[in-house]
Amino acid sequence: MTSSVLNPKTLGRVAVLMGGHSAERDISLMSGQGVLQALRDQGVDAHPFDPAARELAELKREGFDRVFIALHGRGGEDGGVQGVLEWLGIPYTGSGVMASAICMDKVMTKRVWVAEGLPTPPWVRLNAGDLQHERIRAVPDELGLPLIVKPPREGSSIGVTKVSGYSEMQAAVELAARFDPDVLCEAFIEGEEVTCPVVGEGEHARALPVVRIAAPDGAYDYQNKYFTDDVKYLVPSGLPAEEEAEIQRITLQAYRTLGCRGWGRADLMIRARDRQPFLLEMNTSPGMTSHSLVPMAARAAGVGYGELCVMLLASATLDHPGGRVGASGDSDKAGA
């Protein structure tokens, strides 16, 4: 992974979007504050902006040249904010409208991956009309036990339950349904959990080092992710070189297939019995807290946190053909 030296003044006036209305608001605020301070430390004219407190139209009125999206979850990672920024004509970090919307929905993401022959655990989707006791109780017959129950449009392990017996299904589904009208039930893959970040776009996208996650009793949940130091993050991963290379290959293919750009992070499980990796999800606005995994992998590749933030900001762009911007913030118009 390489980065170029940029004059931060050429990046213009920058808004760091953080907070928002989603269930991941608190994590977004932590990510956003980290990014904001890092950008300011690098000399960028960066300012906090919480869409829960201010209208996005103010970004245009206040003359922001770029937006660093540090929002997580619905309303920030699902294509909604990206669509508004397209309309306002303000370049932003990360994936565009379509890729953001698809990746936010784990079921849609799985359908794309399966169509491309990429490995992902078997699943059952329960919509709002399927949440009767008889239907819920039948899911383990289809997927086996244990299994995972989660809301398909949330992140940060919110609403996720590992189910070990039939008697636990009802409560798990009810918990997930508090966050999403649909519920995703997924076969549990026994093995090691890893994550693999990606930066760039298309053929220029590159996978960063794989991070292996060792959580207490395998419980990589919301509390352990953000509020304890009990989880061990191993980078270098310690995996055999051919395994790490295969995970990076699969992740890159998954990222490109979904049309992601800027940056992203795939979460995977490696099945213990045959070392087969399975894709779980693709995060298009990964966390940037002190516990976060993309900065960790970037450091292992020789890129510090502040340099990473500036590099991602410099990649800000738009979906429409006239929306590519250079470091100066000027649009590259077709035929110009």
Protein backbone atom coordinates (compact mmCIF):
# COMPACT_ATOMS: atom_id res chain seq x y z
CA MET A 1 0.00 0.00 0.00
CA THR A 2 1.43 3.32 -1.00
CA SER A 3 0.35 6.90 -0.49
CA SER A 4 1.36 10.16 -2.08
CA VAL A 5 2.23 13.36 -0.28
CA LEU A 6 -0.59 15.88 -0.57
CA ASN A 7 -0.77 19.52 0.34
CA PRO A 8 -3.74 19.39 2.74
CA LYS A 9 -4.73 22.93 1.78
CA THR A 10 -5.66 21.68 -1.70
CA LEU A 11 -8.39 19.48 -0.19
CA GLY A 12 -10.50 22.52 0.60
CA ARG A 13 -13.09 22.98 3.32
CA VAL A 14 -14.06 19.54 4.61
CA ALA A 15 -17.09 18.33 6.57
CA VAL A 16 -16.74 15.16 8.63
CA LEU A 17 -20.20 13.60 8.82
CA MET A 18 -20.73 11.84 12.14
CA GLY A 19 -23.53 10.85 14.47
CA GLY A 20 -26.75 10.68 12.48
CA HIS A 21 -29.93 8.86 13.47
CA SER A 22 -28.96 5.18 13.22
CA ALA A 23 -28.57 2.62 15.99
CA GLU A 24 -24.81 3.00 15.46
CA ARG A 25 -24.82 6.73 16.30
CA ASP A 26 -22.49 6.41 19.31
CA ILE A 27 -19.89 4.46 17.32
CA SER A 28 -20.15 6.98 14.48
CA LEU A 29 -19.44 9.84 16.88
CA MET A 30 -16.30 8.06 18.07
CA SER A 31 -15.19 7.40 14.49
CA GLY A 32 -15.93 10.95 13.41
CA GLN A 33 -14.05 12.57 16.27
CA GLY A 34 -11.03 10.43 15.51
CA VAL A 35 -11.10 11.34 11.82
CA LEU A 36 -11.72 15.02 12.55
CA GLN A 37 -8.73 15.29 14.87
CA ALA A 38 -6.50 13.33 12.50
CA LEU A 39 -7.39 15.55 9.54
CA ARG A 40 -6.85 18.72 11.57
CA ASP A 41 -3.50 17.38 12.79
CA GLN A 42 -2.54 16.93 9.12
CA GLY A 43 -3.46 20.56 8.35
CA VAL A 44 -6.84 19.92 6.72
CA ASP A 45 -9.58 22.55 7.19
CA ALA A 46 -12.00 20.01 8.70
CA HIS A 47 -15.25 20.61 10.58
CA PRO A 48 -17.73 18.32 12.38
CA PHE A 49 -21.22 17.93 10.91
CA ASP A 50 -24.01 15.88 12.50
CA PRO A 51 -26.94 15.23 10.12
CA ALA A 52 -29.15 14.58 13.14
CA ALA A 53 -28.75 18.22 14.16
CA ARG A 54 -28.39 20.01 10.81
CA GLU A 55 -29.87 19.78 7.33
CA LEU A 56 -27.52 18.38 4.70
CA ALA A 57 -28.32 21.34 2.45
CA GLU A 58 -26.22 23.44 4.81
CA LEU A 59 -23.14 21.68 3.42
CA LYS A 60 -23.68 23.51 0.14
CA ARG A 61 -24.63 26.81 1.74
CA GLU A 62 -21.53 26.75 3.92
CA GLY A 63 -19.21 26.06 0.99
CA PHE A 64 -17.85 22.63 1.86
CA ASP A 65 -15.68 21.18 -0.91
CA ARG A 66 -15.57 17.57 0.28
CA VAL A 67 -17.24 15.29 2.78
CA PHE A 68 -15.61 12.53 4.81
CA ILE A 69 -18.44 10.12 5.69
CA ALA A 70 -17.89 8.70 9.18
CA LEU A 71 -21.55 7.71 9.53
CA HIS A 72 -22.42 4.07 10.22
CA GLY A 73 -25.68 2.25 9.62
CA ARG A 74 -28.91 3.38 8.04
CA GLY A 75 -29.14 6.98 6.93
CA GLY A 76 -25.39 7.19 6.45
CA GLU A 77 -24.07 3.96 4.98
CA ASP A 78 -27.07 2.86 2.91
CA GLY A 79 -26.90 5.20 -0.09
CA GLY A 80 -29.22 7.85 1.35
CA VAL A 81 -26.61 10.44 2.30
CA GLN A 82 -24.62 9.50 -0.78
CA GLY A 83 -27.66 10.34 -2.95
CA VAL A 84 -28.09 13.73 -1.32
CA LEU A 85 -24.40 14.54 -1.81
CA GLU A 86 -24.70 13.52 -5.46
CA TRP A 87 -27.58 15.96 -5.82
CA LEU A 88 -25.63 18.69 -4.02
CA GLY A 89 -22.56 17.95 -6.15
CA ILE A 90 -20.20 17.58 -3.17
CA PRO A 91 -17.63 14.76 -3.52
CA TYR A 92 -17.62 12.25 -0.67
CA THR A 93 -15.52 9.37 0.60
CA GLY A 94 -16.39 5.73 0.10
CA SER A 95 -18.77 3.85 -2.16
CA GLY A 96 -21.48 5.41 -4.30
CA VAL A 97 -25.24 5.16 -4.03
CA MET A 98 -25.81 1.70 -5.50
CA ALA A 99 -22.90 -0.10 -3.84
CA SER A 100 -23.72 1.50 -0.49
CA ALA A 101 -27.37 0.45 -0.72
CA ILE A 102 -26.56 -3.14 -1.68
CA CYS A 103 -23.86 -3.62 0.96
CA MET A 104 -26.10 -2.23 3.69
CA ASP A 105 -28.49 -5.12 3.08
CA LYS A 106 -26.69 -8.36 3.94
CA VAL A 107 -29.28 -10.46 2.08
CA MET A 108 -28.85 -8.50 -1.15
CA THR A 109 -25.07 -8.67 -0.72
CA LYS A 110 -25.26 -12.46 -0.38
CA ARG A 111 -27.41 -12.75 -3.50
CA VAL A 112 -24.82 -10.85 -5.53
CA TRP A 113 -21.97 -12.93 -4.14
CA VAL A 114 -23.74 -16.23 -4.80
CA ALA A 115 -24.45 -15.13 -8.37
CA GLU A 116 -20.70 -14.56 -8.79
CA GLY A 117 -19.74 -17.89 -7.22
CA LEU A 118 -18.28 -16.37 -4.06
CA PRO A 119 -18.53 -18.34 -0.78
CA THR A 120 -20.97 -17.12 1.87
CA PRO A 121 -22.79 -19.15 4.56
CA PRO A 122 -26.26 -20.56 3.72
CA TRP A 123 -29.08 -18.38 4.98
CA VAL A 124 -32.81 -17.98 5.43
CA ARG A 125 -34.52 -14.58 5.21
CA LEU A 126 -37.62 -14.07 7.31
CA ASN A 127 -39.76 -11.12 6.25
CA ALA A 128 -42.30 -9.43 8.47
CA GLY A 129 -44.99 -11.91 7.39
CA ASP A 130 -42.86 -14.95 8.28
CA LEU A 131 -42.43 -14.27 11.97
CA GLN A 132 -44.89 -16.87 13.22
CA HIS A 133 -43.71 -19.37 15.81
CA GLU A 134 -44.00 -22.39 13.48
CA ARG A 135 -41.92 -20.75 10.72
CA ILE A 136 -39.28 -19.54 13.14
CA ARG A 137 -38.97 -22.97 14.78
CA ALA A 138 -38.42 -24.60 11.37
CA VAL A 139 -35.32 -22.52 10.52
CA PRO A 140 -32.84 -24.76 12.40
CA ASP A 141 -34.12 -27.72 10.36
CA GLU A 142 -32.94 -25.88 7.24
CA LEU A 143 -29.65 -24.43 8.49
CA GLY A 144 -28.66 -26.69 11.37
CA LEU A 145 -27.48 -25.62 14.81
CA PRO A 146 -25.86 -23.48 16.00
CA LEU A 147 -26.91 -20.59 13.77
CA ILE A 148 -26.76 -16.79 13.78
CA VAL A 149 -29.81 -14.51 13.85
CA LYS A 150 -29.36 -10.83 13.01
CA PRO A 151 -31.01 -7.79 11.43
CA PRO A 152 -29.83 -7.64 7.80
CA ARG A 153 -29.50 -3.84 7.71
CA GLU A 154 -27.60 -3.13 10.93
CA GLY A 155 -23.93 -3.34 11.84
CA SER A 156 -21.60 -3.32 14.85
CA SER A 157 -23.14 -6.65 15.98
CA ILE A 158 -26.34 -4.85 17.01
CA GLY A 159 -29.25 -7.27 17.48
CA VAL A 160 -27.12 -10.36 16.77
CA THR A 161 -27.66 -13.68 18.60
CA LYS A 162 -25.90 -17.03 18.34
CA VAL A 163 -28.63 -19.66 18.70
CA SER A 164 -27.69 -23.10 20.02
CA GLY A 165 -31.15 -24.66 20.46
CA TYR A 166 -34.70 -24.50 19.14
CA SER A 167 -35.93 -22.87 22.35
CA GLU A 168 -33.69 -19.83 21.73
CA MET A 169 -35.01 -19.01 18.26
CA GLN A 170 -38.07 -16.99 19.20
CA ALA A 171 -36.22 -14.55 21.46
CA ALA A 172 -33.39 -14.17 18.94
CA VAL A 173 -35.79 -13.34 16.11
CA GLU A 174 -37.73 -10.91 18.29
CA LEU A 175 -34.50 -9.11 19.20
CA ALA A 176 -33.41 -8.80 15.55
CA ALA A 177 -36.91 -7.66 14.53
CA ARG A 178 -36.62 -4.72 16.94
CA PHE A 179 -34.01 -3.26 14.57
CA ASP A 180 -35.30 -4.42 11.17
CA PRO A 181 -38.63 -5.67 9.81
CA ASP A 182 -36.74 -8.52 8.12
CA VAL A 183 -34.56 -11.06 9.94
CA LEU A 184 -31.52 -12.87 8.57
CA CYS A 185 -30.80 -16.38 9.85
CA GLU A 186 -27.38 -17.65 8.82
CA ALA A 187 -25.58 -20.97 9.24
CA PHE A 188 -22.85 -20.67 11.86
CA ILE A 189 -19.34 -21.30 10.59
CA GLU A 190 -17.19 -22.88 13.28
CA GLY A 191 -13.68 -21.49 13.03
CA GLU A 192 -11.62 -18.32 13.05
CA GLU A 193 -12.96 -14.82 12.42
CA VAL A 194 -10.93 -12.49 10.21
CA THR A 195 -11.40 -9.19 8.48
CA CYS A 196 -9.75 -7.81 5.36
CA PRO A 197 -9.82 -4.09 4.44
CA VAL A 198 -9.59 -2.80 0.87
CA VAL A 199 -8.65 0.63 -0.45
CA GLY A 200 -9.02 1.99 -3.97
CA GLU A 201 -11.35 1.32 -6.87
CA GLY A 202 -11.71 -1.24 -9.64
CA GLU A 203 -8.50 -2.79 -10.86
CA HIS A 204 -6.54 -0.33 -8.73
CA ALA A 205 -8.13 -1.60 -5.51
CA ARG A 206 -5.73 -3.31 -3.13
CA ALA A 207 -6.33 -5.54 -0.12
CA LEU A 208 -4.59 -4.61 3.13
CA PRO A 209 -3.18 -7.20 5.54
CA VAL A 210 -5.71 -9.61 7.03
CA VAL A 211 -6.54 -9.09 10.71
CA ARG A 212 -7.33 -12.21 12.77
CA ILE A 213 -9.77 -11.65 15.64
CA ALA A 214 -9.55 -13.60 18.89
CA ALA A 215 -12.47 -12.70 21.18
CA PRO A 216 -13.18 -14.08 24.67
CA ASP A 217 -15.15 -17.32 24.23
CA GLY A 218 -15.62 -16.35 20.58
CA ALA A 219 -17.93 -13.47 21.62
CA TYR A 220 -17.00 -10.68 19.21
CA ASP A 221 -20.08 -8.66 20.19
CA TYR A 222 -20.92 -4.96 20.54
CA GLN A 223 -19.45 -4.67 24.04
CA ASN A 224 -16.19 -6.45 23.18
CA LYS A 225 -15.82 -4.57 19.91
CA TYR A 226 -15.93 -1.07 21.35
CA PHE A 227 -15.74 -0.99 25.12
CA THR A 228 -13.21 -3.58 26.32
CA ASP A 229 -9.61 -4.49 25.62
CA ASP A 230 -10.26 -8.23 25.91
CA VAL A 231 -10.31 -8.90 22.16
CA LYS A 232 -6.97 -9.73 20.55
CA TYR A 233 -6.37 -8.38 17.03
CA LEU A 234 -3.54 -10.18 15.28
CA VAL A 235 -1.81 -8.45 12.39
CA PRO A 236 0.24 -10.00 10.92
CA SER A 237 -2.54 -12.55 11.13
CA GLY A 238 -0.28 -15.56 11.66
CA LEU A 239 -2.19 -17.44 8.97
CA PRO A 240 -0.27 -19.46 6.38
CA ALA A 241 0.76 -17.20 3.50
CA GLU A 242 -1.44 -19.05 1.01
CA GLU A 243 -4.50 -18.68 3.27
CA GLU A 244 -3.96 -14.95 3.70
CA ALA A 245 -3.50 -14.55 -0.05
CA GLU A 246 -6.74 -16.46 -0.74
CA ILE A 247 -8.68 -14.32 1.73
CA GLN A 248 -7.33 -11.17 0.08
CA ARG A 249 -8.23 -12.53 -3.36
CA ILE A 250 -11.80 -13.38 -2.35
CA THR A 251 -12.22 -10.03 -0.60
CA LEU A 252 -11.01 -8.08 -3.62
CA GLN A 253 -13.37 -9.99 -5.90
CA ALA A 254 -16.26 -9.40 -3.48
CA TYR A 255 -15.44 -5.67 -3.27
CA ARG A 256 -15.17 -5.22 -7.02
CA THR A 257 -18.28 -7.30 -7.73
CA LEU A 258 -20.35 -5.02 -5.50
CA GLY A 259 -18.95 -1.90 -7.18
CA CYS A 260 -17.32 -0.55 -4.03
CA ARG A 261 -14.77 2.24 -4.12
CA GLY A 262 -12.64 4.35 -1.81
CA TRP A 263 -12.43 1.83 0.97
CA GLY A 264 -14.27 -1.05 2.57
CA ARG A 265 -13.81 -4.00 4.88
CA ALA A 266 -14.99 -7.57 4.46
CA ASP A 267 -15.70 -9.77 7.47
CA LEU A 268 -15.10 -13.49 6.99
CA MET A 269 -15.03 -16.80 8.85
CA ILE A 270 -12.51 -19.54 8.15
CA ARG A 271 -14.16 -22.95 8.62
CA ALA A 272 -11.95 -24.98 10.94
CA ARG A 273 -12.51 -28.40 9.38
CA ASP A 274 -11.32 -27.51 5.87
CA ARG A 275 -9.95 -23.92 6.13
CA GLN A 276 -12.56 -22.64 3.64
CA PRO A 277 -13.15 -18.88 4.02
CA PHE A 278 -16.75 -17.59 3.93
CA LEU A 279 -17.74 -13.97 3.33
CA LEU A 280 -20.15 -12.55 5.92
CA GLU A 281 -20.57 -8.90 4.92
CA MET A 282 -18.95 -5.88 3.29
CA ASN A 283 -18.71 -2.65 5.29
CA THR A 284 -18.60 0.46 3.09
CA SER A 285 -18.06 2.94 5.93
CA PRO A 286 -15.82 1.01 8.32
CA GLY A 287 -15.20 2.14 11.87
CA MET A 288 -12.39 4.58 12.56
CA THR A 289 -12.27 4.37 16.36
CA SER A 290 -9.18 3.52 18.39
CA HIS A 291 -10.33 -0.11 18.29
CA SER A 292 -11.02 -0.10 14.55
CA LEU A 293 -9.55 -2.56 12.13
CA VAL A 294 -8.87 -0.58 8.94
CA PRO A 295 -6.37 1.76 10.66
CA MET A 296 -4.79 -1.29 12.27
CA ALA A 297 -4.29 -3.03 8.93
CA ALA A 298 -3.06 0.20 7.33
CA ARG A 299 -0.42 0.58 10.05
CA ALA A 300 0.76 -2.95 9.31
CA ALA A 301 1.13 -1.85 5.68
CA GLY A 302 3.17 1.18 6.75
CA VAL A 303 0.48 3.87 6.60
CA GLY A 304 -0.31 5.83 9.76
CA TYR A 305 -3.77 6.88 10.89
CA GLY A 306 -3.51 10.52 9.85
CA GLU A 307 -2.01 9.65 6.49
CA LEU A 308 -4.80 7.11 5.91
CA CYS A 309 -7.50 9.68 6.68
CA VAL A 310 -5.98 12.18 4.25
CA MET A 311 -5.58 9.51 1.57
CA LEU A 312 -9.23 8.49 1.88
CA LEU A 313 -10.34 12.12 1.82
CA ALA A 314 -8.30 12.74 -1.33
CA SER A 315 -10.20 9.90 -3.03
CA ALA A 316 -13.56 11.63 -2.51
CA THR A 317 -15.64 11.60 -5.69
CA LEU A 318 -19.14 11.40 -7.15
CA ASP A 319 -21.02 8.79 -9.19
CA HIS A 320 -21.93 10.99 -12.14
CA PRO A 321 -19.44 11.35 -15.03
CA GLY A 322 -18.51 14.95 -14.24
CA GLY A 323 -17.93 14.22 -10.59
CA ARG A 324 -14.31 13.11 -10.50
CA VAL A 325 -12.19 15.59 -8.59
CA GLY A 326 -8.49 16.14 -8.36
CA ALA A 327 -6.62 17.12 -5.23
CA SER A 328 -7.48 20.75 -5.94
CA GLY A 329 -11.19 20.02 -5.51
CA ASP A 330 -12.01 21.02 -9.12
CA SER A 331 -14.23 18.67 -11.10
CA ASP A 332 -12.69 16.93 -14.08
CA LYS A 333 -15.28 17.79 -16.71
CA ALA A 334 -15.62 15.55 -19.72
CA GLY A 335 -14.01 17.19 -22.71
CA ALA A 336 -12.37 19.88 -20.62
